[in-house]
């Protein structure tokens, strides 16, 4: 199964459904289907979600694409991404991974396990 690590401070937002996307730069490619998030701070904490869409965009376009342009002005977006990817530029191509919350993912996950 696909796997991504996420910083511990963001993990509760995934669990409660407030965080339904992630932006990755030069990491393993993610595809539509099941994916497990692992909390960097506690490897025993995981959340399984269903990835519904993956899109490649320049970082400069991501905030507008995710309808967060007012929340994430360019410099804030760049500063936040540089915490994880120090060399990233606004013109660099990133992968935007959109998924359902863990709860919303259950019916999709049940189908692949043959439980539905």
PDB file of N, CA and C in Angstrom:
ATOM      1  N   UNK A   1       0.854  -1.182   0.000  1.00  0.00           N
ATOM      2  CA  UNK A   1       0.000   0.000   0.000  1.00  0.00           C
ATOM      3  C   UNK A   1       0.895   1.239   0.000  1.00  0.00           C
ATOM      4  N   UNK A   2       0.401   2.292  -0.625  1.00  0.00           N
ATOM      5  CA  UNK A   2       1.126   3.558  -0.647  1.00  0.00           C
ATOM      6  C   UNK A   2       1.240   4.111   0.765  1.00  0.00           C
ATOM      7  N   UNK A   3       2.335   4.816   1.023  1.00  0.00           N
ATOM      8  CA  UNK A   3       2.573   5.340   2.360  1.00  0.00           C
ATOM      9  C   UNK A   3       3.214   6.716   2.261  1.00  0.00           C
ATOM     10  N   UNK A   4       2.773   7.627   3.126  1.00  0.00           N
ATOM     11  CA  UNK A   4       3.408   8.934   3.255  1.00  0.00           C
ATOM     12  C   UNK A   4       3.566   9.246   4.738  1.00  0.00           C
ATOM     13  N   UNK A   5       4.691   9.822   5.072  1.00  0.00           N
ATOM     14  CA  UNK A   5       4.886  10.331   6.424  1.00  0.00           C
ATOM     15  C   UNK A   5       4.316  11.738   6.491  1.00  0.00           C
ATOM     16  N   UNK A   6       3.832  12.094   7.660  1.00  0.00           N
ATOM     17  CA  UNK A   6       3.313  13.445   7.886  1.00  0.00           C
ATOM     18  C   UNK A   6       3.804  13.896   9.257  1.00  0.00           C
ATOM     19  N   UNK A   7       4.120  15.186   9.356  1.00  0.00           N
ATOM     20  CA  UNK A   7       4.599  15.694  10.642  1.00  0.00           C
ATOM     21  C   UNK A   7       3.512  15.508  11.696  1.00  0.00           C
ATOM     22  N   UNK A   8       3.944  15.238  12.897  1.00  0.00           N
ATOM     23  CA  UNK A   8       3.018  14.885  13.975  1.00  0.00           C
ATOM     24  C   UNK A   8       1.957  15.959  14.223  1.00  0.00           C
ATOM     25  N   UNK A   9       2.327  17.236  14.091  1.00  0.00           N
ATOM     26  CA  UNK A   9       1.371  18.304  14.387  1.00  0.00           C
ATOM     27  C   UNK A   9       0.193  18.332  13.403  1.00  0.00           C
ATOM     28  N   UNK A  10       0.378  17.767  12.214  1.00  0.00           N
ATOM     29  CA  UNK A  10      -0.701  17.738  11.224  1.00  0.00           C
ATOM     30  C   UNK A  10      -1.551  16.476  11.302  1.00  0.00           C
ATOM     31  N   UNK A  11      -1.064  15.464  11.984  1.00  0.00           N
ATOM     32  CA  UNK A  11      -1.763  14.181  12.018  1.00  0.00           C
ATOM     33  C   UNK A  11      -3.191  14.282  12.552  1.00  0.00           C
ATOM     34  N   UNK A  12      -3.450  15.023  13.639  1.00  0.00           N
ATOM     35  CA  UNK A  12      -4.845  15.135  14.106  1.00  0.00           C
ATOM     36  C   UNK A  12      -5.779  15.752  13.066  1.00  0.00           C
ATOM     37  N   UNK A  13      -5.256  16.638  12.223  1.00  0.00           N
ATOM     38  CA  UNK A  13      -6.084  17.257  11.182  1.00  0.00           C
ATOM     39  C   UNK A  13      -6.487  16.248  10.107  1.00  0.00           C
ATOM     40  N   UNK A  14      -5.639  15.271   9.878  1.00  0.00           N
ATOM     41  CA  UNK A  14      -5.985  14.181   8.952  1.00  0.00           C
ATOM     42  C   UNK A  14      -7.064  13.317   9.583  1.00  0.00           C
ATOM     43  N   UNK A  15      -6.870  12.962  10.839  1.00  0.00           N
ATOM     44  CA  UNK A  15      -7.829  12.094  11.525  1.00  0.00           C
ATOM     45  C   UNK A  15      -9.226  12.699  11.588  1.00  0.00           C
ATOM     46  N   UNK A  16      -9.313  14.004  11.852  1.00  0.00           N
ATOM     47  CA  UNK A  16     -10.643  14.605  11.976  1.00  0.00           C
ATOM     48  C   UNK A  16     -11.214  15.096  10.646  1.00  0.00           C
ATOM     49  N   UNK A  17     -10.467  14.946   9.551  1.00  0.00           N
ATOM     50  CA  UNK A  17     -10.985  15.301   8.231  1.00  0.00           C
ATOM     51  C   UNK A  17     -10.762  16.738   7.817  1.00  0.00           C
ATOM     52  N   UNK A  18     -10.068  17.531   8.635  1.00  0.00           N
ATOM     53  CA  UNK A  18      -9.779  18.918   8.252  1.00  0.00           C
ATOM     54  C   UNK A  18      -8.687  19.012   7.197  1.00  0.00           C
ATOM     55  N   UNK A  19      -7.779  18.060   7.180  1.00  0.00           N
ATOM     56  CA  UNK A  19      -6.705  18.037   6.181  1.00  0.00           C
ATOM     57  C   UNK A  19      -6.996  16.917   5.195  1.00  0.00           C
ATOM     58  N   UNK A  20      -7.314  17.304   3.967  1.00  0.00           N
ATOM     59  CA  UNK A  20      -7.656  16.321   2.936  1.00  0.00           C
ATOM     60  C   UNK A  20      -6.785  16.475   1.692  1.00  0.00           C
ATOM     61  N   UNK A  21      -5.638  17.095   1.872  1.00  0.00           N
ATOM     62  CA  UNK A  21      -4.685  17.187   0.768  1.00  0.00           C
ATOM     63  C   UNK A  21      -3.284  17.344   1.339  1.00  0.00           C
ATOM     64  N   UNK A  22      -2.310  17.024   0.515  1.00  0.00           N
ATOM     65  CA  UNK A  22      -0.908  17.221   0.877  1.00  0.00           C
ATOM     66  C   UNK A  22      -0.146  17.573  -0.384  1.00  0.00           C
ATOM     67  N   UNK A  23       0.938  18.284  -0.206  1.00  0.00           N
ATOM     68  CA  UNK A  23       1.768  18.729  -1.327  1.00  0.00           C
ATOM     69  C   UNK A  23       3.131  18.080  -1.157  1.00  0.00           C
ATOM     70  N   UNK A  24       3.605  17.428  -2.201  1.00  0.00           N
ATOM     71  CA  UNK A  24       4.887  16.729  -2.132  1.00  0.00           C
ATOM     72  C   UNK A  24       5.794  17.165  -3.274  1.00  0.00           C
ATOM     73  N   UNK A  25       7.082  17.261  -2.967  1.00  0.00           N
ATOM     74  CA  UNK A  25       8.096  17.705  -3.922  1.00  0.00           C
ATOM     75  C   UNK A  25       9.206  16.668  -3.993  1.00  0.00           C
ATOM     76  N   UNK A  26       9.357  16.100  -5.180  1.00  0.00           N
ATOM     77  CA  UNK A  26      10.424  15.123  -5.427  1.00  0.00           C
ATOM     78  C   UNK A  26      10.389  13.946  -4.459  1.00  0.00           C
ATOM     79  N   UNK A  27       9.190  13.489  -4.152  1.00  0.00           N
ATOM     80  CA  UNK A  27       9.024  12.297  -3.326  1.00  0.00           C
ATOM     81  C   UNK A  27       8.395  11.210  -4.188  1.00  0.00           C
ATOM     82  N   UNK A  28       8.206  10.042  -3.596  1.00  0.00           N
ATOM     83  CA  UNK A  28       7.588   8.955  -4.353  1.00  0.00           C
ATOM     84  C   UNK A  28       6.232   9.412  -4.887  1.00  0.00           C
ATOM     85  N   UNK A  29       5.907   8.927  -6.076  1.00  0.00           N
ATOM     86  CA  UNK A  29       4.642   9.287  -6.715  1.00  0.00           C
ATOM     87  C   UNK A  29       3.499   8.556  -6.020  1.00  0.00           C
ATOM     88  N   UNK A  30       2.427   9.289  -5.796  1.00  0.00           N
ATOM     89  CA  UNK A  30       1.221   8.717  -5.212  1.00  0.00           C
ATOM     90  C   UNK A  30       0.173   8.643  -6.318  1.00  0.00           C
ATOM     91  N   UNK A  31      -0.692   7.641  -6.246  1.00  0.00           N
ATOM     92  CA  UNK A  31      -1.720   7.422  -7.259  1.00  0.00           C
ATOM     93  C   UNK A  31      -3.077   7.270  -6.577  1.00  0.00           C
ATOM     94  N   UNK A  32      -4.133   7.411  -7.343  1.00  0.00           N
ATOM     95  CA  UNK A  32      -5.488   7.217  -6.833  1.00  0.00           C
ATOM     96  C   UNK A  32      -5.593   5.819  -6.234  1.00  0.00           C
ATOM     97  N   UNK A  33      -6.218   5.756  -5.064  1.00  0.00           N
ATOM     98  CA  UNK A  33      -6.388   4.478  -4.373  1.00  0.00           C
ATOM     99  C   UNK A  33      -6.046   4.617  -2.903  1.00  0.00           C
ATOM    100  N   UNK A  34      -5.888   3.496  -2.210  1.00  0.00           N
ATOM    101  CA  UNK A  34      -5.638   3.540  -0.770  1.00  0.00           C
ATOM    102  C   UNK A  34      -4.227   4.052  -0.462  1.00  0.00           C
ATOM    103  N   UNK A  35      -4.121   4.769   0.650  1.00  0.00           N
ATOM    104  CA  UNK A  35      -2.833   5.289   1.097  1.00  0.00           C
ATOM    105  C   UNK A  35      -2.843   5.376   2.625  1.00  0.00           C
ATOM    106  N   UNK A  36      -1.711   5.086   3.220  1.00  0.00           N
ATOM    107  CA  UNK A  36      -1.564   5.173   4.669  1.00  0.00           C
ATOM    108  C   UNK A  36      -0.673   6.365   5.005  1.00  0.00           C
ATOM    109  N   UNK A  37      -1.158   7.198   5.913  1.00  0.00           N
ATOM    110  CA  UNK A  37      -0.332   8.247   6.508  1.00  0.00           C
ATOM    111  C   UNK A  37       0.281   7.683   7.781  1.00  0.00           C
ATOM    112  N   UNK A  38       1.557   7.940   7.975  1.00  0.00           N
ATOM    113  CA  UNK A  38       2.259   7.580   9.207  1.00  0.00           C
ATOM    114  C   UNK A  38       2.650   8.870   9.894  1.00  0.00           C
ATOM    115  N   UNK A  39       2.423   8.948  11.180  1.00  0.00           N
ATOM    116  CA  UNK A  39       2.832  10.112  11.958  1.00  0.00           C
ATOM    117  C   UNK A  39       4.330  10.037  12.222  1.00  0.00           C
ATOM    118  N   UNK A  40       5.059  11.076  11.822  1.00  0.00           N
ATOM    119  CA  UNK A  40       6.511  11.112  12.041  1.00  0.00           C
ATOM    120  C   UNK A  40       6.878  11.001  13.516  1.00  0.00           C
ATOM    121  N   UNK A  41       6.051  11.540  14.378  1.00  0.00           N
ATOM    122  CA  UNK A  41       6.365  11.534  15.798  1.00  0.00           C
ATOM    123  C   UNK A  41       6.067  10.223  16.495  1.00  0.00           C
ATOM    124  N   UNK A  42       5.224   9.394  15.877  1.00  0.00           N
ATOM    125  CA  UNK A  42       4.820   8.133  16.510  1.00  0.00           C
ATOM    126  C   UNK A  42       4.434   7.154  15.411  1.00  0.00           C
ATOM    127  N   UNK A  43       5.340   6.274  15.069  1.00  0.00           N
ATOM    128  CA  UNK A  43       5.124   5.373  13.933  1.00  0.00           C
ATOM    129  C   UNK A  43       3.946   4.423  14.132  1.00  0.00           C
ATOM    130  N   UNK A  44       3.448   4.326  15.360  1.00  0.00           N
ATOM    131  CA  UNK A  44       2.288   3.468  15.601  1.00  0.00           C
ATOM    132  C   UNK A  44       0.983   4.149  15.208  1.00  0.00           C
ATOM    133  N   UNK A  45       1.031   5.467  15.022  1.00  0.00           N
ATOM    134  CA  UNK A  45      -0.164   6.217  14.634  1.00  0.00           C
ATOM    135  C   UNK A  45      -0.254   6.269  13.113  1.00  0.00           C
ATOM    136  N   UNK A  46      -1.314   5.677  12.591  1.00  0.00           N
ATOM    137  CA  UNK A  46      -1.521   5.670  11.145  1.00  0.00           C
ATOM    138  C   UNK A  46      -2.964   6.051  10.840  1.00  0.00           C
ATOM    139  N   UNK A  47      -3.173   6.491   9.626  1.00  0.00           N
ATOM    140  CA  UNK A  47      -4.521   6.770   9.134  1.00  0.00           C
ATOM    141  C   UNK A  47      -4.564   6.336   7.674  1.00  0.00           C
ATOM    142  N   UNK A  48      -5.548   5.535   7.333  1.00  0.00           N
ATOM    143  CA  UNK A  48      -5.703   5.085   5.958  1.00  0.00           C
ATOM    144  C   UNK A  48      -6.779   5.927   5.293  1.00  0.00           C
ATOM    145  N   UNK A  49      -6.442   6.446   4.113  1.00  0.00           N
ATOM    146  CA  UNK A  49      -7.358   7.298   3.356  1.00  0.00           C
ATOM    147  C   UNK A  49      -7.435   6.798   1.920  1.00  0.00           C
ATOM    148  N   UNK A  50      -8.441   7.288   1.213  1.00  0.00           N
ATOM    149  CA  UNK A  50      -8.585   6.983  -0.205  1.00  0.00           C
ATOM    150  C   UNK A  50      -8.192   8.227  -0.993  1.00  0.00           C
ATOM    151  N   UNK A  51      -7.144   8.104  -1.780  1.00  0.00           N
ATOM    152  CA  UNK A  51      -6.689   9.200  -2.639  1.00  0.00           C
ATOM    153  C   UNK A  51      -7.629   9.287  -3.822  1.00  0.00           C
ATOM    154  N   UNK A  52      -8.219  10.470  -4.014  1.00  0.00           N
ATOM    155  CA  UNK A  52      -9.196  10.640  -5.093  1.00  0.00           C
ATOM    156  C   UNK A  52      -8.635  11.364  -6.310  1.00  0.00           C
ATOM    157  N   UNK A  53      -7.543  12.126  -6.122  1.00  0.00           N
ATOM    158  CA  UNK A  53      -6.974  12.846  -7.266  1.00  0.00           C
ATOM    159  C   UNK A  53      -5.538  13.244  -6.950  1.00  0.00           C
ATOM    160  N   UNK A  54      -4.690  13.151  -7.972  1.00  0.00           N
ATOM    161  CA  UNK A  54      -3.294  13.598  -7.884  1.00  0.00           C
ATOM    162  C   UNK A  54      -3.027  14.512  -9.074  1.00  0.00           C
ATOM    163  N   UNK A  55      -2.487  15.676  -8.784  1.00  0.00           N
ATOM    164  CA  UNK A  55      -2.291  16.683  -9.819  1.00  0.00           C
ATOM    165  C   UNK A  55      -0.901  17.282  -9.694  1.00  0.00           C
ATOM    166  N   UNK A  56      -0.213  17.411 -10.813  1.00  0.00           N
ATOM    167  CA  UNK A  56       1.084  18.070 -10.840  1.00  0.00           C
ATOM    168  C   UNK A  56       0.896  19.523 -11.240  1.00  0.00           C
ATOM    169  N   UNK A  57       1.433  20.418 -10.415  1.00  0.00           N
ATOM    170  CA  UNK A  57       1.320  21.855 -10.647  1.00  0.00           C
ATOM    171  C   UNK A  57       2.577  22.554 -10.173  1.00  0.00           C
ATOM    172  N   UNK A  58       2.878  23.736 -10.739  1.00  0.00           N
ATOM    173  CA  UNK A  58       3.919  24.547 -10.112  1.00  0.00           C
ATOM    174  C   UNK A  58       3.417  24.982  -8.733  1.00  0.00           C
ATOM    175  N   UNK A  59       4.296  25.044  -7.767  1.00  0.00           N
ATOM    176  CA  UNK A  59       3.911  25.442  -6.415  1.00  0.00           C
ATOM    177  C   UNK A  59       3.139  26.757  -6.425  1.00  0.00           C
ATOM    178  N   UNK A  60       3.486  27.627  -7.317  1.00  0.00           N
ATOM    179  CA  UNK A  60       2.852  28.936  -7.454  1.00  0.00           C
ATOM    180  C   UNK A  60       1.338  28.844  -7.674  1.00  0.00           C
ATOM    181  N   UNK A  61       0.852  27.740  -8.232  1.00  0.00           N
ATOM    182  CA  UNK A  61      -0.561  27.588  -8.572  1.00  0.00           C
ATOM    183  C   UNK A  61      -1.363  26.775  -7.550  1.00  0.00           C
ATOM    184  N   UNK A  62      -0.693  26.197  -6.580  1.00  0.00           N
ATOM    185  CA  UNK A  62      -1.350  25.255  -5.670  1.00  0.00           C
ATOM    186  C   UNK A  62      -2.410  25.911  -4.793  1.00  0.00           C
ATOM    187  N   UNK A  63      -2.116  27.060  -4.219  1.00  0.00           N
ATOM    188  CA  UNK A  63      -3.077  27.705  -3.307  1.00  0.00           C
ATOM    189  C   UNK A  63      -4.384  28.017  -4.035  1.00  0.00           C
ATOM    190  N   UNK A  64      -4.282  28.523  -5.239  1.00  0.00           N
ATOM    191  CA  UNK A  64      -5.504  28.815  -5.999  1.00  0.00           C
ATOM    192  C   UNK A  64      -6.233  27.523  -6.357  1.00  0.00           C
ATOM    193  N   UNK A  65      -5.501  26.511  -6.760  1.00  0.00           N
ATOM    194  CA  UNK A  65      -6.087  25.226  -7.110  1.00  0.00           C
ATOM    195  C   UNK A  65      -6.878  24.633  -5.939  1.00  0.00           C
ATOM    196  N   UNK A  66      -6.320  24.765  -4.728  1.00  0.00           N
ATOM    197  CA  UNK A  66      -6.985  24.224  -3.535  1.00  0.00           C
ATOM    198  C   UNK A  66      -7.938  25.225  -2.879  1.00  0.00           C
ATOM    199  N   UNK A  67      -8.170  26.344  -3.560  1.00  0.00           N
ATOM    200  CA  UNK A  67      -9.063  27.405  -3.078  1.00  0.00           C
ATOM    201  C   UNK A  67      -8.626  27.920  -1.710  1.00  0.00           C
ATOM    202  N   UNK A  68      -7.321  28.166  -1.571  1.00  0.00           N
ATOM    203  CA  UNK A  68      -6.757  28.673  -0.320  1.00  0.00           C
ATOM    204  C   UNK A  68      -5.848  29.877  -0.578  1.00  0.00           C
ATOM    205  N   UNK A  69      -6.106  30.577  -1.670  1.00  0.00           N
ATOM    206  CA  UNK A  69      -5.240  31.693  -2.067  1.00  0.00           C
ATOM    207  C   UNK A  69      -5.146  32.758  -0.972  1.00  0.00           C
ATOM    208  N   UNK A  70      -6.244  33.069  -0.314  1.00  0.00           N
ATOM    209  CA  UNK A  70      -6.206  34.080   0.744  1.00  0.00           C
ATOM    210  C   UNK A  70      -5.466  33.575   1.977  1.00  0.00           C
ATOM    211  N   UNK A  71      -5.601  32.297   2.285  1.00  0.00           N
ATOM    212  CA  UNK A  71      -4.933  31.712   3.447  1.00  0.00           C
ATOM    213  C   UNK A  71      -3.437  31.504   3.213  1.00  0.00           C
ATOM    214  N   UNK A  72      -3.076  31.203   1.970  1.00  0.00           N
ATOM    215  CA  UNK A  72      -1.698  30.856   1.637  1.00  0.00           C
ATOM    216  C   UNK A  72      -1.134  31.788   0.569  1.00  0.00           C
ATOM    217  N   UNK A  73      -0.802  33.042   0.910  1.00  0.00           N
ATOM    218  CA  UNK A  73      -0.129  33.895  -0.077  1.00  0.00           C
ATOM    219  C   UNK A  73       1.203  33.250  -0.486  1.00  0.00           C
ATOM    220  N   UNK A  74       1.720  33.638  -1.634  1.00  0.00           N
ATOM    221  CA  UNK A  74       2.910  32.983  -2.201  1.00  0.00           C
ATOM    222  C   UNK A  74       4.066  32.853  -1.213  1.00  0.00           C
ATOM    223  N   UNK A  75       4.408  33.921  -0.535  1.00  0.00           N
ATOM    224  CA  UNK A  75       5.559  33.869   0.378  1.00  0.00           C
ATOM    225  C   UNK A  75       5.304  32.941   1.563  1.00  0.00           C
ATOM    226  N   UNK A  76       4.083  32.909   2.048  1.00  0.00           N
ATOM    227  CA  UNK A  76       3.745  31.996   3.150  1.00  0.00           C
ATOM    228  C   UNK A  76       3.823  30.550   2.675  1.00  0.00           C
ATOM    229  N   UNK A  77       3.309  30.301   1.473  1.00  0.00           N
ATOM    230  CA  UNK A  77       3.355  28.956   0.899  1.00  0.00           C
ATOM    231  C   UNK A  77       4.813  28.519   0.738  1.00  0.00           C
ATOM    232  N   UNK A  78       5.640  29.392   0.196  1.00  0.00           N
ATOM    233  CA  UNK A  78       7.041  29.061  -0.023  1.00  0.00           C
ATOM    234  C   UNK A  78       7.763  28.814   1.301  1.00  0.00           C
ATOM    235  N   UNK A  79       7.532  29.658   2.277  1.00  0.00           N
ATOM    236  CA  UNK A  79       8.164  29.496   3.589  1.00  0.00           C
ATOM    237  C   UNK A  79       7.757  28.181   4.243  1.00  0.00           C
ATOM    238  N   UNK A  80       6.473  27.847   4.162  1.00  0.00           N
ATOM    239  CA  UNK A  80       5.981  26.602   4.737  1.00  0.00           C
ATOM    240  C   UNK A  80       6.561  25.371   4.057  1.00  0.00           C
ATOM    241  N   UNK A  81       6.690  25.423   2.760  1.00  0.00           N
ATOM    242  CA  UNK A  81       7.240  24.288   2.018  1.00  0.00           C
ATOM    243  C   UNK A  81       8.744  24.146   2.252  1.00  0.00           C
ATOM    244  N   UNK A  82       9.436  25.257   2.440  1.00  0.00           N
ATOM    245  CA  UNK A  82      10.893  25.209   2.650  1.00  0.00           C
ATOM    246  C   UNK A  82      11.270  24.582   3.989  1.00  0.00           C
ATOM    247  N   UNK A  83      10.335  24.493   4.910  1.00  0.00           N
ATOM    248  CA  UNK A  83      10.601  23.774   6.163  1.00  0.00           C
ATOM    249  C   UNK A  83      10.947  22.320   5.840  1.00  0.00           C
ATOM    250  N   UNK A  84      10.274  21.770   4.848  1.00  0.00           N
ATOM    251  CA  UNK A  84      10.467  20.364   4.462  1.00  0.00           C
ATOM    252  C   UNK A  84      11.367  20.195   3.255  1.00  0.00           C
ATOM    253  N   UNK A  85      11.351  21.185   2.363  1.00  0.00           N
ATOM    254  CA  UNK A  85      12.108  21.125   1.113  1.00  0.00           C
ATOM    255  C   UNK A  85      12.877  22.446   0.951  1.00  0.00           C
ATOM    256  N   UNK A  86      14.036  22.570   1.569  1.00  0.00           N
ATOM    257  CA  UNK A  86      14.744  23.852   1.626  1.00  0.00           C
ATOM    258  C   UNK A  86      15.042  24.507   0.275  1.00  0.00           C
ATOM    259  N   UNK A  87      15.202  23.731  -0.761  1.00  0.00           N
ATOM    260  CA  UNK A  87      15.584  24.293  -2.065  1.00  0.00           C
ATOM    261  C   UNK A  87      14.394  24.600  -2.976  1.00  0.00           C
ATOM    262  N   UNK A  88      13.188  24.342  -2.538  1.00  0.00           N
ATOM    263  CA  UNK A  88      12.023  24.504  -3.412  1.00  0.00           C
ATOM    264  C   UNK A  88      11.825  25.969  -3.809  1.00  0.00           C
ATOM    265  N   UNK A  89      11.361  26.151  -5.032  1.00  0.00           N
ATOM    266  CA  UNK A  89      11.033  27.472  -5.578  1.00  0.00           C
ATOM    267  C   UNK A  89       9.554  27.483  -5.953  1.00  0.00           C
ATOM    268  N   UNK A  90       8.979  28.663  -6.070  1.00  0.00           N
ATOM    269  CA  UNK A  90       7.563  28.771  -6.458  1.00  0.00           C
ATOM    270  C   UNK A  90       7.298  28.192  -7.842  1.00  0.00           C
ATOM    271  N   UNK A  91       8.306  28.149  -8.680  1.00  0.00           N
ATOM    272  CA  UNK A  91       8.126  27.630 -10.041  1.00  0.00           C
ATOM    273  C   UNK A  91       8.314  26.116 -10.136  1.00  0.00           C
ATOM    274  N   UNK A  92       8.734  25.472  -9.048  1.00  0.00           N
ATOM    275  CA  UNK A  92       8.953  24.027  -9.072  1.00  0.00           C
ATOM    276  C   UNK A  92       7.634  23.261  -9.144  1.00  0.00           C
ATOM    277  N   UNK A  93       7.676  22.157  -9.867  1.00  0.00           N
ATOM    278  CA  UNK A  93       6.516  21.281 -10.007  1.00  0.00           C
ATOM    279  C   UNK A  93       6.371  20.421  -8.755  1.00  0.00           C
ATOM    280  N   UNK A  94       5.169  20.387  -8.204  1.00  0.00           N
ATOM    281  CA  UNK A  94       4.861  19.575  -7.028  1.00  0.00           C
ATOM    282  C   UNK A  94       3.684  18.660  -7.355  1.00  0.00           C
ATOM    283  N   UNK A  95       3.504  17.651  -6.540  1.00  0.00           N
ATOM    284  CA  UNK A  95       2.334  16.782  -6.675  1.00  0.00           C
ATOM    285  C   UNK A  95       1.346  17.138  -5.565  1.00  0.00           C
ATOM    286  N   UNK A  96       0.137  17.484  -5.962  1.00  0.00           N
ATOM    287  CA  UNK A  96      -0.939  17.767  -5.015  1.00  0.00           C
ATOM    288  C   UNK A  96      -1.766  16.493  -4.911  1.00  0.00           C
ATOM    289  N   UNK A  97      -1.853  15.967  -3.701  1.00  0.00           N
ATOM    290  CA  UNK A  97      -2.557  14.714  -3.453  1.00  0.00           C
ATOM    291  C   UNK A  97      -3.809  15.038  -2.648  1.00  0.00           C
ATOM    292  N   UNK A  98      -4.970  14.753  -3.224  1.00  0.00           N
ATOM    293  CA  UNK A  98      -6.248  15.017  -2.558  1.00  0.00           C
ATOM    294  C   UNK A  98      -6.878  13.681  -2.168  1.00  0.00           C
ATOM    295  N   UNK A  99      -7.445  13.652  -0.971  1.00  0.00           N
ATOM    296  CA  UNK A  99      -8.018  12.401  -0.474  1.00  0.00           C
ATOM    297  C   UNK A  99      -9.242  12.672   0.390  1.00  0.00           C
ATOM    298  N   UNK A 100      -9.986  11.617   0.612  1.00  0.00           N
ATOM    299  CA  UNK A 100     -11.115  11.679   1.532  1.00  0.00           C
ATOM    300  C   UNK A 100     -10.586  11.553   2.960  1.00  0.00           C
ATOM    301  N   UNK A 101     -11.387  11.978   3.925  1.00  0.00           N
ATOM    302  CA  UNK A 101     -11.028  11.776   5.332  1.00  0.00           C
ATOM    303  C   UNK A 101     -10.993  10.272   5.598  1.00  0.00           C
ATOM    304  N   UNK A 102     -10.369   9.855   6.699  1.00  0.00           N
ATOM    305  CA  UNK A 102     -10.391   8.422   7.021  1.00  0.00           C
ATOM    306  C   UNK A 102     -11.815   7.857   7.104  1.00  0.00           C
ATOM    307  N   UNK A 103     -12.719   8.603   7.700  1.00  0.00           N
ATOM    308  CA  UNK A 103     -14.105   8.124   7.815  1.00  0.00           C
ATOM    309  C   UNK A 103     -14.773   8.022   6.442  1.00  0.00           C
ATOM    310  N   UNK A 104     -14.597   9.047   5.608  1.00  0.00           N
ATOM    311  CA  UNK A 104     -15.187   9.028   4.269  1.00  0.00           C
ATOM    312  C   UNK A 104     -14.547   7.958   3.389  1.00  0.00           C
ATOM    313  N   UNK A 105     -13.339   7.545   3.713  1.00  0.00           N
ATOM    314  CA  UNK A 105     -12.613   6.547   2.922  1.00  0.00           C
ATOM    315  C   UNK A 105     -13.090   5.117   3.171  1.00  0.00           C
ATOM    316  N   UNK A 106     -13.777   4.891   4.286  1.00  0.00           N
ATOM    317  CA  UNK A 106     -14.157   3.527   4.665  1.00  0.00           C
ATOM    318  C   UNK A 106     -14.896   2.747   3.577  1.00  0.00           C
ATOM    319  N   UNK A 107     -15.903   3.322   2.900  1.00  0.00           N
ATOM    320  CA  UNK A 107     -16.591   2.534   1.865  1.00  0.00           C
ATOM    321  C   UNK A 107     -15.665   2.132   0.712  1.00  0.00           C
ATOM    322  N   UNK A 108     -14.735   2.994   0.337  1.00  0.00           N
ATOM    323  CA  UNK A 108     -13.792   2.677  -0.742  1.00  0.00           C
ATOM    324  C   UNK A 108     -12.835   1.576  -0.310  1.00  0.00           C
ATOM    325  N   UNK A 109     -12.378   1.671   0.920  1.00  0.00           N
ATOM    326  CA  UNK A 109     -11.448   0.666   1.436  1.00  0.00           C
ATOM    327  C   UNK A 109     -12.133  -0.682   1.615  1.00  0.00           C
ATOM    328  N   UNK A 110     -13.401  -0.665   2.017  1.00  0.00           N
ATOM    329  CA  UNK A 110     -14.154  -1.914   2.187  1.00  0.00           C
ATOM    330  C   UNK A 110     -14.293  -2.641   0.855  1.00  0.00           C
ATOM    331  N   UNK A 111     -14.500  -1.893  -0.222  1.00  0.00           N
ATOM    332  CA  UNK A 111     -14.667  -2.525  -1.538  1.00  0.00           C
ATOM    333  C   UNK A 111     -13.404  -3.280  -1.960  1.00  0.00           C
ATOM    334  N   UNK A 112     -12.248  -2.695  -1.691  1.00  0.00           N
ATOM    335  CA  UNK A 112     -11.028  -3.383  -2.115  1.00  0.00           C
ATOM    336  C   UNK A 112     -10.685  -4.564  -1.209  1.00  0.00           C
ATOM    337  N   UNK A 113     -11.243  -4.573  -0.023  1.00  0.00           N
ATOM    338  CA  UNK A 113     -11.014  -5.701   0.888  1.00  0.00           C
ATOM    339  C   UNK A 113     -12.092  -6.763   0.724  1.00  0.00           C
ATOM    340  N   UNK A 114     -13.029  -6.506  -0.194  1.00  0.00           N
ATOM    341  CA  UNK A 114     -14.077  -7.471  -0.425  1.00  0.00           C
ATOM    342  C   UNK A 114     -15.131  -7.522   0.657  1.00  0.00           C
ATOM    343  N   UNK A 115     -15.255  -6.442   1.417  1.00  0.00           N
ATOM    344  CA  UNK A 115     -16.194  -6.419   2.519  1.00  0.00           C
ATOM    345  C   UNK A 115     -17.517  -5.775   2.149  1.00  0.00           C
ATOM    346  N   UNK A 116     -17.567  -5.143   1.000  1.00  0.00           N
ATOM    347  CA  UNK A 116     -18.796  -4.418   0.637  1.00  0.00           C
ATOM    348  C   UNK A 116     -19.724  -5.321  -0.163  1.00  0.00           C
TER     349      UNK A 116
END
